[in-house]
PDB file of N, CA and C in Angstrom:
ATOM      1  N   MET A   1     -18.248  -7.716 -19.981  1.00  0.00           N
ATOM      2  CA  MET A   1     -18.898  -6.454 -19.670  1.00  0.00           C
ATOM      3  C   MET A   1     -18.655  -6.120 -18.198  1.00  0.00           C
ATOM      4  N   VAL A   2     -18.396  -4.874 -17.919  1.00  0.00           N
ATOM      5  CA  VAL A   2     -18.088  -4.418 -16.573  1.00  0.00           C
ATOM      6  C   VAL A   2     -19.367  -3.992 -15.861  1.00  0.00           C
ATOM      7  N   ASP A   3     -19.553  -4.505 -14.654  1.00  0.00           N
ATOM      8  CA  ASP A   3     -20.669  -4.073 -13.811  1.00  0.00           C
ATOM      9  C   ASP A   3     -20.232  -2.780 -13.129  1.00  0.00           C
ATOM     10  N   LEU A   4     -20.824  -1.669 -13.546  1.00  0.00           N
ATOM     11  CA  LEU A   4     -20.389  -0.360 -13.070  1.00  0.00           C
ATOM     12  C   LEU A   4     -20.564  -0.210 -11.559  1.00  0.00           C
ATOM     13  N   ASP A   5     -21.679  -0.688 -11.009  1.00  0.00           N
ATOM     14  CA  ASP A   5     -21.887  -0.578  -9.557  1.00  0.00           C
ATOM     15  C   ASP A   5     -20.829  -1.362  -8.785  1.00  0.00           C
ATOM     16  N   ALA A   6     -20.501  -2.555  -9.266  1.00  0.00           N
ATOM     17  CA  ALA A   6     -19.467  -3.353  -8.601  1.00  0.00           C
ATOM     18  C   ALA A   6     -18.104  -2.664  -8.702  1.00  0.00           C
ATOM     19  N   PHE A   7     -17.816  -2.063  -9.845  1.00  0.00           N
ATOM     20  CA  PHE A   7     -16.559  -1.342 -10.027  1.00  0.00           C
ATOM     21  C   PHE A   7     -16.470  -0.162  -9.063  1.00  0.00           C
ATOM     22  N   LEU A   8     -17.541   0.618  -8.968  1.00  0.00           N
ATOM     23  CA  LEU A   8     -17.542   1.776  -8.068  1.00  0.00           C
ATOM     24  C   LEU A   8     -17.404   1.346  -6.612  1.00  0.00           C
ATOM     25  N   THR A   9     -18.048   0.245  -6.256  1.00  0.00           N
ATOM     26  CA  THR A   9     -17.926  -0.278  -4.890  1.00  0.00           C
ATOM     27  C   THR A   9     -16.494  -0.717  -4.616  1.00  0.00           C
ATOM     28  N   ARG A  10     -15.861  -1.371  -5.589  1.00  0.00           N
ATOM     29  CA  ARG A  10     -14.452  -1.766  -5.433  1.00  0.00           C
ATOM     30  C   ARG A  10     -13.560  -0.553  -5.252  1.00  0.00           C
ATOM     31  N   CYS A  11     -13.833   0.513  -6.008  1.00  0.00           N
ATOM     32  CA  CYS A  11     -13.048   1.739  -5.888  1.00  0.00           C
ATOM     33  C   CYS A  11     -13.198   2.343  -4.494  1.00  0.00           C
ATOM     34  N   GLU A  12     -14.421   2.381  -3.998  1.00  0.00           N
ATOM     35  CA  GLU A  12     -14.672   2.930  -2.661  1.00  0.00           C
ATOM     36  C   GLU A  12     -14.005   2.077  -1.584  1.00  0.00           C
ATOM     37  N   THR A  13     -14.090   0.769  -1.735  1.00  0.00           N
ATOM     38  CA  THR A  13     -13.449  -0.143  -0.780  1.00  0.00           C
ATOM     39  C   THR A  13     -11.941   0.022  -0.804  1.00  0.00           C
ATOM     40  N   PHE A  14     -11.372   0.128  -1.999  1.00  0.00           N
ATOM     41  CA  PHE A  14      -9.933   0.312  -2.111  1.00  0.00           C
ATOM     42  C   PHE A  14      -9.506   1.619  -1.449  1.00  0.00           C
ATOM     43  N   ALA A  15     -10.251   2.686  -1.674  1.00  0.00           N
ATOM     44  CA  ALA A  15      -9.916   3.983  -1.085  1.00  0.00           C
ATOM     45  C   ALA A  15      -9.881   3.883   0.447  1.00  0.00           C
ATOM     46  N   LYS A  16     -10.881   3.222   1.024  1.00  0.00           N
ATOM     47  CA  LYS A  16     -10.910   3.059   2.485  1.00  0.00           C
ATOM     48  C   LYS A  16      -9.762   2.195   2.971  1.00  0.00           C
ATOM     49  N   THR A  17      -9.520   1.087   2.289  1.00  0.00           N
ATOM     50  CA  THR A  17      -8.461   0.158   2.686  1.00  0.00           C
ATOM     51  C   THR A  17      -7.086   0.811   2.580  1.00  0.00           C
ATOM     52  N   ALA A  18      -6.865   1.565   1.507  1.00  0.00           N
ATOM     53  CA  ALA A  18      -5.563   2.199   1.277  1.00  0.00           C
ATOM     54  C   ALA A  18      -5.409   3.496   2.073  1.00  0.00           C
ATOM     55  N   GLY A  19      -6.508   3.981   2.645  1.00  0.00           N
ATOM     56  CA  GLY A  19      -6.443   5.211   3.431  1.00  0.00           C
ATOM     57  C   GLY A  19      -6.272   6.458   2.571  1.00  0.00           C
ATOM     58  N   ILE A  20      -6.860   6.439   1.382  1.00  0.00           N
ATOM     59  CA  ILE A  20      -6.786   7.592   0.490  1.00  0.00           C
ATOM     60  C   ILE A  20      -8.202   7.999   0.094  1.00  0.00           C
ATOM     61  N   SER A  21      -8.329   9.206  -0.409  1.00  0.00           N
ATOM     62  CA  SER A  21      -9.658   9.689  -0.783  1.00  0.00           C
ATOM     63  C   SER A  21     -10.111   9.061  -2.102  1.00  0.00           C
ATOM     64  N   LEU A  22     -11.409   9.069  -2.288  1.00  0.00           N
ATOM     65  CA  LEU A  22     -11.976   8.540  -3.527  1.00  0.00           C
ATOM     66  C   LEU A  22     -11.540   9.391  -4.721  1.00  0.00           C
ATOM     67  N   SER A  23     -11.364  10.685  -4.517  1.00  0.00           N
ATOM     68  CA  SER A  23     -10.913  11.531  -5.629  1.00  0.00           C
ATOM     69  C   SER A  23      -9.470  11.197  -6.021  1.00  0.00           C
ATOM     70  N   THR A  24      -8.656  10.758  -5.057  1.00  0.00           N
ATOM     71  CA  THR A  24      -7.296  10.323  -5.386  1.00  0.00           C
ATOM     72  C   THR A  24      -7.332   9.051  -6.217  1.00  0.00           C
ATOM     73  N   VAL A  25      -8.202   8.115  -5.840  1.00  0.00           N
ATOM     74  CA  VAL A  25      -8.364   6.890  -6.624  1.00  0.00           C
ATOM     75  C   VAL A  25      -8.853   7.255  -8.027  1.00  0.00           C
ATOM     76  N   SER A  26      -9.811   8.141  -8.104  1.00  0.00           N
ATOM     77  CA  SER A  26     -10.347   8.572  -9.387  1.00  0.00           C
ATOM     78  C   SER A  26      -9.247   9.191 -10.251  1.00  0.00           C
ATOM     79  N   ASN A  27      -8.400   9.990  -9.635  1.00  0.00           N
ATOM     80  CA  ASN A  27      -7.296  10.615 -10.373  1.00  0.00           C
ATOM     81  C   ASN A  27      -6.305   9.568 -10.874  1.00  0.00           C
ATOM     82  N   LYS A  28      -6.035   8.541 -10.062  1.00  0.00           N
ATOM     83  CA  LYS A  28      -5.111   7.483 -10.469  1.00  0.00           C
ATOM     84  C   LYS A  28      -5.678   6.654 -11.626  1.00  0.00           C
ATOM     85  N   LEU A  29      -6.984   6.462 -11.633  1.00  0.00           N
ATOM     86  CA  LEU A  29      -7.608   5.622 -12.646  1.00  0.00           C
ATOM     87  C   LEU A  29      -7.959   6.368 -13.928  1.00  0.00           C
ATOM     88  N   PHE A  30      -8.400   7.613 -13.787  1.00  0.00           N
ATOM     89  CA  PHE A  30      -8.928   8.348 -14.941  1.00  0.00           C
ATOM     90  C   PHE A  30      -8.196   9.655 -15.236  1.00  0.00           C
ATOM     91  N   ASP A  31      -7.215  10.016 -14.423  1.00  0.00           N
ATOM     92  CA  ASP A  31      -6.595  11.345 -14.517  1.00  0.00           C
ATOM     93  C   ASP A  31      -7.652  12.430 -14.379  1.00  0.00           C
ATOM     94  N   ASP A  32      -8.641  12.156 -13.562  1.00  0.00           N
ATOM     95  CA  ASP A  32      -9.754  13.079 -13.327  1.00  0.00           C
ATOM     96  C   ASP A  32     -10.283  12.779 -11.930  1.00  0.00           C
ATOM     97  N   GLY A  33     -10.061  13.676 -11.002  1.00  0.00           N
ATOM     98  CA  GLY A  33     -10.443  13.442  -9.617  1.00  0.00           C
ATOM     99  C   GLY A  33     -11.933  13.367  -9.363  1.00  0.00           C
ATOM    100  N   ALA A  34     -12.756  13.816 -10.296  1.00  0.00           N
ATOM    101  CA  ALA A  34     -14.205  13.810 -10.108  1.00  0.00           C
ATOM    102  C   ALA A  34     -14.908  12.716 -10.897  1.00  0.00           C
ATOM    103  N   ARG A  35     -14.191  11.940 -11.701  1.00  0.00           N
ATOM    104  CA  ARG A  35     -14.827  10.969 -12.597  1.00  0.00           C
ATOM    105  C   ARG A  35     -15.627   9.922 -11.834  1.00  0.00           C
ATOM    106  N   LEU A  36     -15.087   9.359 -10.755  1.00  0.00           N
ATOM    107  CA  LEU A  36     -15.836   8.333 -10.013  1.00  0.00           C
ATOM    108  C   LEU A  36     -17.105   8.915  -9.402  1.00  0.00           C
ATOM    109  N   LYS A  37     -16.994  10.118  -8.865  1.00  0.00           N
ATOM    110  CA  LYS A  37     -18.176  10.777  -8.306  1.00  0.00           C
ATOM    111  C   LYS A  37     -19.217  11.009  -9.395  1.00  0.00           C
ATOM    112  N   ASN A  38     -18.771  11.430 -10.563  1.00  0.00           N
ATOM    113  CA  ASN A  38     -19.701  11.664 -11.682  1.00  0.00           C
ATOM    114  C   ASN A  38     -20.333  10.359 -12.162  1.00  0.00           C
ATOM    115  N   LEU A  39     -19.553   9.282 -12.194  1.00  0.00           N
ATOM    116  CA  LEU A  39     -20.113   7.983 -12.585  1.00  0.00           C
ATOM    117  C   LEU A  39     -21.174   7.531 -11.584  1.00  0.00           C
ATOM    118  N   ARG A  40     -20.914   7.735 -10.295  1.00  0.00           N
ATOM    119  CA  ARG A  40     -21.887   7.364  -9.263  1.00  0.00           C
ATOM    120  C   ARG A  40     -23.167   8.190  -9.436  1.00  0.00           C
ATOM    121  N   ALA A  41     -23.012   9.421  -9.941  1.00  0.00           N
ATOM    122  CA  ALA A  41     -24.169  10.301 -10.148  1.00  0.00           C
ATOM    123  C   ALA A  41     -24.900  10.012 -11.455  1.00  0.00           C
ATOM    124  N   GLY A  42     -24.404   9.039 -12.241  1.00  0.00           N
ATOM    125  CA  GLY A  42     -25.120   8.651 -13.448  1.00  0.00           C
ATOM    126  C   GLY A  42     -24.500   9.116 -14.749  1.00  0.00           C
ATOM    127  N   LYS A  43     -23.368   9.806 -14.681  1.00  0.00           N
ATOM    128  CA  LYS A  43     -22.701  10.229 -15.921  1.00  0.00           C
ATOM    129  C   LYS A  43     -22.129   9.021 -16.632  1.00  0.00           C
ATOM    130  N   ASP A  44     -21.697   9.197 -17.856  1.00  0.00           N
ATOM    131  CA  ASP A  44     -21.250   8.104 -18.705  1.00  0.00           C
ATOM    132  C   ASP A  44     -19.729   8.127 -18.872  1.00  0.00           C
ATOM    133  N   VAL A  45     -19.186   6.980 -19.285  1.00  0.00           N
ATOM    134  CA  VAL A  45     -17.773   6.861 -19.606  1.00  0.00           C
ATOM    135  C   VAL A  45     -17.659   5.833 -20.729  1.00  0.00           C
ATOM    136  N   GLY A  46     -16.669   6.023 -21.593  1.00  0.00           N
ATOM    137  CA  GLY A  46     -16.469   5.085 -22.692  1.00  0.00           C
ATOM    138  C   GLY A  46     -16.028   3.716 -22.193  1.00  0.00           C
ATOM    139  N   ILE A  47     -16.405   2.671 -22.919  1.00  0.00           N
ATOM    140  CA  ILE A  47     -16.121   1.303 -22.492  1.00  0.00           C
ATOM    141  C   ILE A  47     -14.623   1.016 -22.474  1.00  0.00           C
ATOM    142  N   ARG A  48     -13.880   1.558 -23.428  1.00  0.00           N
ATOM    143  CA  ARG A  48     -12.418   1.330 -23.430  1.00  0.00           C
ATOM    144  C   ARG A  48     -11.759   2.042 -22.261  1.00  0.00           C
ATOM    145  N   ARG A  49     -12.213   3.246 -21.981  1.00  0.00           N
ATOM    146  CA  ARG A  49     -11.660   3.991 -20.844  1.00  0.00           C
ATOM    147  C   ARG A  49     -11.991   3.279 -19.540  1.00  0.00           C
ATOM    148  N   LEU A  50     -13.198   2.767 -19.438  1.00  0.00           N
ATOM    149  CA  LEU A  50     -13.583   2.019 -18.246  1.00  0.00           C
ATOM    150  C   LEU A  50     -12.757   0.743 -18.127  1.00  0.00           C
ATOM    151  N   GLY A  51     -12.518   0.076 -19.229  1.00  0.00           N
ATOM    152  CA  GLY A  51     -11.687  -1.133 -19.217  1.00  0.00           C
ATOM    153  C   GLY A  51     -10.272  -0.849 -18.727  1.00  0.00           C
ATOM    154  N   ARG A  52      -9.698   0.277 -19.171  1.00  0.00           N
ATOM    155  CA  ARG A  52      -8.362   0.660 -18.701  1.00  0.00           C
ATOM    156  C   ARG A  52      -8.384   0.984 -17.212  1.00  0.00           C
ATOM    157  N   ALA A  53      -9.469   1.605 -16.745  1.00  0.00           N
ATOM    158  CA  ALA A  53      -9.588   1.936 -15.329  1.00  0.00           C
ATOM    159  C   ALA A  53      -9.707   0.671 -14.480  1.00  0.00           C
ATOM    160  N   VAL A  54     -10.444  -0.320 -14.966  1.00  0.00           N
ATOM    161  CA  VAL A  54     -10.566  -1.597 -14.242  1.00  0.00           C
ATOM    162  C   VAL A  54      -9.191  -2.255 -14.128  1.00  0.00           C
ATOM    163  N   ALA A  55      -8.441  -2.265 -15.215  1.00  0.00           N
ATOM    164  CA  ALA A  55      -7.090  -2.846 -15.190  1.00  0.00           C
ATOM    165  C   ALA A  55      -6.188  -2.071 -14.237  1.00  0.00           C
ATOM    166  N   ALA A  56      -6.296  -0.750 -14.235  1.00  0.00           N
ATOM    167  CA  ALA A  56      -5.485   0.075 -13.331  1.00  0.00           C
ATOM    168  C   ALA A  56      -5.862  -0.173 -11.877  1.00  0.00           C
ATOM    169  N   LEU A  57      -7.149  -0.352 -11.596  1.00  0.00           N
ATOM    170  CA  LEU A  57      -7.590  -0.648 -10.233  1.00  0.00           C
ATOM    171  C   LEU A  57      -7.041  -1.998  -9.775  1.00  0.00           C
ATOM    172  N   GLU A  58      -7.068  -2.989 -10.653  1.00  0.00           N
ATOM    173  CA  GLU A  58      -6.503  -4.297 -10.301  1.00  0.00           C
ATOM    174  C   GLU A  58      -5.023  -4.184  -9.973  1.00  0.00           C
ATOM    175  N   ALA A  59      -4.291  -3.372 -10.729  1.00  0.00           N
ATOM    176  CA  ALA A  59      -2.864  -3.165 -10.464  1.00  0.00           C
ATOM    177  C   ALA A  59      -2.663  -2.461  -9.126  1.00  0.00           C
ATOM    178  N   LEU A  60      -3.474  -1.450  -8.843  1.00  0.00           N
ATOM    179  CA  LEU A  60      -3.378  -0.751  -7.559  1.00  0.00           C
ATOM    180  C   LEU A  60      -3.675  -1.694  -6.393  1.00  0.00           C
ATOM    181  N   GLU A  61      -4.682  -2.540  -6.556  1.00  0.00           N
ATOM    182  CA  GLU A  61      -5.021  -3.495  -5.499  1.00  0.00           C
ATOM    183  C   GLU A  61      -3.876  -4.467  -5.253  1.00  0.00           C
ATOM    184  N   ARG A  62      -3.242  -4.953  -6.318  1.00  0.00           N
ATOM    185  CA  ARG A  62      -2.089  -5.857  -6.171  1.00  0.00           C
ATOM    186  C   ARG A  62      -0.926  -5.153  -5.471  1.00  0.00           C
ATOM    187  N   GLN A  63      -0.639  -3.914  -5.876  1.00  0.00           N
ATOM    188  CA  GLN A  63       0.452  -3.154  -5.255  1.00  0.00           C
ATOM    189  C   GLN A  63       0.184  -2.943  -3.772  1.00  0.00           C
ATOM    190  N   HIS A  64      -1.047  -2.586  -3.450  1.00  0.00           N
ATOM    191  CA  HIS A  64      -1.399  -2.338  -2.049  1.00  0.00           C
ATOM    192  C   HIS A  64      -1.285  -3.627  -1.233  1.00  0.00           C
ATOM    193  N   ALA A  65      -1.736  -4.740  -1.800  1.00  0.00           N
ATOM    194  CA  ALA A  65      -1.649  -6.026  -1.095  1.00  0.00           C
ATOM    195  C   ALA A  65      -0.184  -6.421  -0.884  1.00  0.00           C
ATOM    196  N   ALA A  66       0.649  -6.201  -1.886  1.00  0.00           N
ATOM    197  CA  ALA A  66       2.074  -6.529  -1.757  1.00  0.00           C
ATOM    198  C   ALA A  66       2.735  -5.647  -0.706  1.00  0.00           C
ATOM    199  N   LYS A  67       2.390  -4.363  -0.682  1.00  0.00           N
ATOM    200  CA  LYS A  67       2.960  -3.453   0.306  1.00  0.00           C
ATOM    201  C   LYS A  67       2.506  -3.838   1.708  1.00  0.00           C
ATOM    202  N   ALA A  68       1.236  -4.201   1.854  1.00  0.00           N
ATOM    203  CA  ALA A  68       0.724  -4.606   3.156  1.00  0.00           C
ATOM    204  C   ALA A  68       1.430  -5.871   3.642  1.00  0.00           C
ATOM    205  N   ALA A  69       1.667  -6.815   2.746  1.00  0.00           N
ATOM    206  CA  ALA A  69       2.373  -8.045   3.109  1.00  0.00           C
ATOM    207  C   ALA A  69       3.812  -7.740   3.497  1.00  0.00           C
ATOM    208  N   SER A  70       4.447  -6.834   2.767  1.00  0.00           N
ATOM    209  CA  SER A  70       5.822  -6.440   3.069  1.00  0.00           C
ATOM    210  C   SER A  70       5.891  -5.739   4.422  1.00  0.00           C
ATOM    211  N   ASP A  71       4.922  -4.863   4.693  1.00  0.00           N
ATOM    212  CA  ASP A  71       4.891  -4.167   5.978  1.00  0.00           C
ATOM    213  C   ASP A  71       4.681  -5.151   7.119  1.00  0.00           C
ATOM    214  N   ALA A  72       3.822  -6.148   6.916  1.00  0.00           N
ATOM    215  CA  ALA A  72       3.575  -7.157   7.948  1.00  0.00           C
ATOM    216  C   ALA A  72       4.840  -7.971   8.204  1.00  0.00           C
ATOM    217  N   GLU A  73       5.581  -8.269   7.156  1.00  0.00           N
ATOM    218  CA  GLU A  73       6.836  -9.017   7.300  1.00  0.00           C
ATOM    219  C   GLU A  73       7.867  -8.185   8.046  1.00  0.00           C
ATOM    220  N   ARG A  74       7.900  -6.880   7.774  1.00  0.00           N
ATOM    221  CA  ARG A  74       8.846  -6.001   8.454  1.00  0.00           C
ATOM    222  C   ARG A  74       8.589  -5.944   9.947  1.00  0.00           C
ATOM    223  N   ILE A  75       7.328  -6.023  10.351  1.00  0.00           N
ATOM    224  CA  ILE A  75       6.990  -5.965  11.764  1.00  0.00           C
ATOM    225  C   ILE A  75       7.639  -7.131  12.497  1.00  0.00           C
ATOM    226  N   ASP A  76       7.737  -8.281  11.861  1.00  0.00           N
ATOM    227  CA  ASP A  76       8.318  -9.464  12.478  1.00  0.00           C
ATOM    228  C   ASP A  76       9.831  -9.539  12.305  1.00  0.00           C
ATOM    229  N   THR A  77      10.435  -8.594  11.589  1.00  0.00           N
ATOM    230  CA  THR A  77      11.862  -8.623  11.308  1.00  0.00           C
ATOM    231  C   THR A  77      12.620  -7.944  12.442  1.00  0.00           C
ATOM    232  N   PRO A  78      13.638  -8.606  13.022  1.00  0.00           N
ATOM    233  CA  PRO A  78      14.397  -7.984  14.100  1.00  0.00           C
ATOM    234  C   PRO A  78      15.242  -6.823  13.583  1.00  0.00           C
ATOM    235  N   LEU A  79      15.283  -5.740  14.357  1.00  0.00           N
ATOM    236  CA  LEU A  79      16.037  -4.555  13.978  1.00  0.00           C
ATOM    237  C   LEU A  79      17.114  -4.279  15.017  1.00  0.00           C
ATOM    238  N   ASP A  80      18.193  -3.637  14.580  1.00  0.00           N
ATOM    239  CA  ASP A  80      19.204  -3.218  15.537  1.00  0.00           C
ATOM    240  C   ASP A  80      18.770  -1.891  16.162  1.00  0.00           C
ATOM    241  N   GLY A  81      19.590  -1.295  16.979  1.00  0.00           N
ATOM    242  CA  GLY A  81      19.244  -0.055  17.660  1.00  0.00           C
ATOM    243  C   GLY A  81      19.035   1.129  16.735  1.00  0.00           C
ATOM    244  N   ASN A  82      19.545   1.065  15.526  1.00  0.00           N
ATOM    245  CA  ASN A  82      19.396   2.157  14.566  1.00  0.00           C
ATOM    246  C   ASN A  82      18.218   1.963  13.624  1.00  0.00           C
ATOM    247  N   GLY A  83      17.460   0.894  13.784  1.00  0.00           N
ATOM    248  CA  GLY A  83      16.318   0.625  12.923  1.00  0.00           C
ATOM    249  C   GLY A  83      16.674  -0.133  11.662  1.00  0.00           C
ATOM    250  N   SER A  84      17.900  -0.616  11.550  1.00  0.00           N
ATOM    251  CA  SER A  84      18.312  -1.399  10.386  1.00  0.00           C
ATOM    252  C   SER A  84      18.013  -2.868  10.633  1.00  0.00           C
ATOM    253  N   VAL A  85      17.716  -3.578   9.570  1.00  0.00           N
ATOM    254  CA  VAL A  85      17.414  -4.999   9.687  1.00  0.00           C
ATOM    255  C   VAL A  85      18.684  -5.762  10.048  1.00  0.00           C
ATOM    256  N   LEU A  86      18.576  -6.619  11.050  1.00  0.00           N
ATOM    257  CA  LEU A  86      19.712  -7.440  11.450  1.00  0.00           C
ATOM    258  C   LEU A  86      19.893  -8.599  10.483  1.00  0.00           C
ATOM    259  N   PRO A  87      21.130  -9.009  10.242  1.00  0.00           N
ATOM    260  CA  PRO A  87      21.332 -10.241   9.482  1.00  0.00           C
ATOM    261  C   PRO A  87      20.688 -11.397  10.241  1.00  0.00           C
ATOM    262  N   LYS A  88      20.301 -12.442   9.543  1.00  0.00           N
ATOM    263  CA  LYS A  88      19.525 -13.515  10.166  1.00  0.00           C
ATOM    264  C   LYS A  88      20.221 -14.171  11.352  1.00  0.00           C
ATOM    265  N   ARG A  89      21.549 -14.309  11.329  1.00  0.00           N
ATOM    266  CA  ARG A  89      22.242 -15.031  12.400  1.00  0.00           C
ATOM    267  C   ARG A  89      22.752 -14.120  13.505  1.00  0.00           C
ATOM    268  N   GLN A  90      22.750 -12.834  13.294  1.00  0.00           N
ATOM    269  CA  GLN A  90      23.255 -11.912  14.303  1.00  0.00           C
ATOM    270  C   GLN A  90      22.181 -11.664  15.350  1.00  0.00           C
ATOM    271  N   LYS A  91      22.572 -11.690  16.594  1.00  0.00           N
ATOM    272  CA  LYS A  91      21.638 -11.407  17.664  1.00  0.00           C
ATOM    273  C   LYS A  91      22.012 -10.084  18.293  1.00  0.00           C
ATOM    274  N   LEU A  92      21.052  -9.412  18.810  1.00  0.00           N
ATOM    275  CA  LEU A  92      21.283  -8.133  19.438  1.00  0.00           C
ATOM    276  C   LEU A  92      21.919  -8.355  20.798  1.00  0.00           C
ATOM    277  N   ALA A  93      23.076  -7.761  21.029  1.00  0.00           N
ATOM    278  CA  ALA A  93      23.769  -7.908  22.310  1.00  0.00           C
ATOM    279  C   ALA A  93      23.115  -6.993  23.332  1.00  0.00           C
ATOM    280  N   SER A  94      23.158  -7.397  24.576  1.00  0.00           N
ATOM    281  CA  SER A  94      22.585  -6.549  25.623  1.00  0.00           C
ATOM    282  C   SER A  94      23.492  -5.339  25.818  1.00  0.00           C
ATOM    283  N   GLN A  95      22.964  -4.308  26.432  1.00  0.00           N
ATOM    284  CA  GLN A  95      23.755  -3.097  26.644  1.00  0.00           C
ATOM    285  C   GLN A  95      24.934  -3.381  27.577  1.00  0.00           C
ATOM    286  N   ASP A  96      24.747  -4.261  28.575  1.00  0.00           N
ATOM    287  CA  ASP A  96      25.835  -4.603  29.484  1.00  0.00           C
ATOM    288  C   ASP A  96      26.997  -5.208  28.711  1.00  0.00           C
ATOM    289  N   THR A  97      26.716  -6.109  27.790  1.00  0.00           N
ATOM    290  CA  THR A  97      27.749  -6.751  26.990  1.00  0.00           C
ATOM    291  C   THR A  97      28.455  -5.722  26.126  1.00  0.00           C
ATOM    292  N   GLN A  98      27.704  -4.819  25.530  1.00  0.00           N
ATOM    293  CA  GLN A  98      28.311  -3.786  24.693  1.00  0.00           C
ATOM    294  C   GLN A  98      29.213  -2.878  25.518  1.00  0.00           C
ATOM    295  N   GLN A  99      28.783  -2.547  26.721  1.00  0.00           N
ATOM    296  CA  GLN A  99      29.606  -1.678  27.578  1.00  0.00           C
ATOM    297  C   GLN A  99      30.888  -2.402  27.978  1.00  0.00           C
ATOM    298  N   LYS A 100      30.821  -3.694  28.295  1.00  0.00           N
ATOM    299  CA  LYS A 100      32.018  -4.455  28.662  1.00  0.00           C
ATOM    300  C   LYS A 100      32.992  -4.505  27.495  1.00  0.00           C
ATOM    301  N   LYS A 101      32.461  -4.714  26.285  1.00  0.00           N
ATOM    302  CA  LYS A 101      33.322  -4.750  25.118  1.00  0.00           C
ATOM    303  C   LYS A 101      34.001  -3.401  24.919  1.00  0.00           C
ATOM    304  N   THR A 102      33.265  -2.338  25.127  1.00  0.00           N
ATOM    305  CA  THR A 102      33.829  -0.999  24.974  1.00  0.00           C
ATOM    306  C   THR A 102      34.949  -0.792  25.985  1.00  0.00           C
ATOM    307  N   VAL A 103      34.713  -1.199  27.222  1.00  0.00           N
ATOM    308  CA  VAL A 103      35.716  -1.035  28.268  1.00  0.00           C
ATOM    309  C   VAL A 103      36.934  -1.876  27.958  1.00  0.00           C
ATOM    310  N   GLU A 104      36.735  -3.097  27.487  1.00  0.00           N
ATOM    311  CA  GLU A 104      37.857  -3.994  27.211  1.00  0.00           C
ATOM    312  C   GLU A 104      38.704  -3.519  26.042  1.00  0.00           C
ATOM    313  N   THR A 105      38.134  -2.798  25.095  1.00  0.00           N
ATOM    314  CA  THR A 105      38.905  -2.396  23.921  1.00  0.00           C
ATOM    315  C   THR A 105      39.764  -1.182  24.172  1.00  0.00           C
ATOM    316  N   TYR A 106      39.523  -0.431  25.217  1.00  0.00           N
ATOM    317  CA  TYR A 106      40.342   0.763  25.479  1.00  0.00           C
ATOM    318  C   TYR A 106      41.545   0.461  26.300  1.00  0.00           C
TER     319      TYR A 106
END
């Protein structure tokens, strides 16, 4: 059995963490932007529909956690001057070295 108050609190927490509105979360879970607000106000929802929404919220939470982990990993990843990820063994040459190479090749 789903604890409705705990579910609504999870939805609100997810919305804040993901930086999206509660109506957007409601739309993703129920295809209805006002459903979560209506549930908080005491309206009813079918148990199967609520079960699908709980499963959808769990999937959204996993996706958000994976994206956050990926973003954190990207912050530690060295980039070249164009913003592309450098291969692991390549090091960024200093501008002086690049200028010398340019001069030497002409």
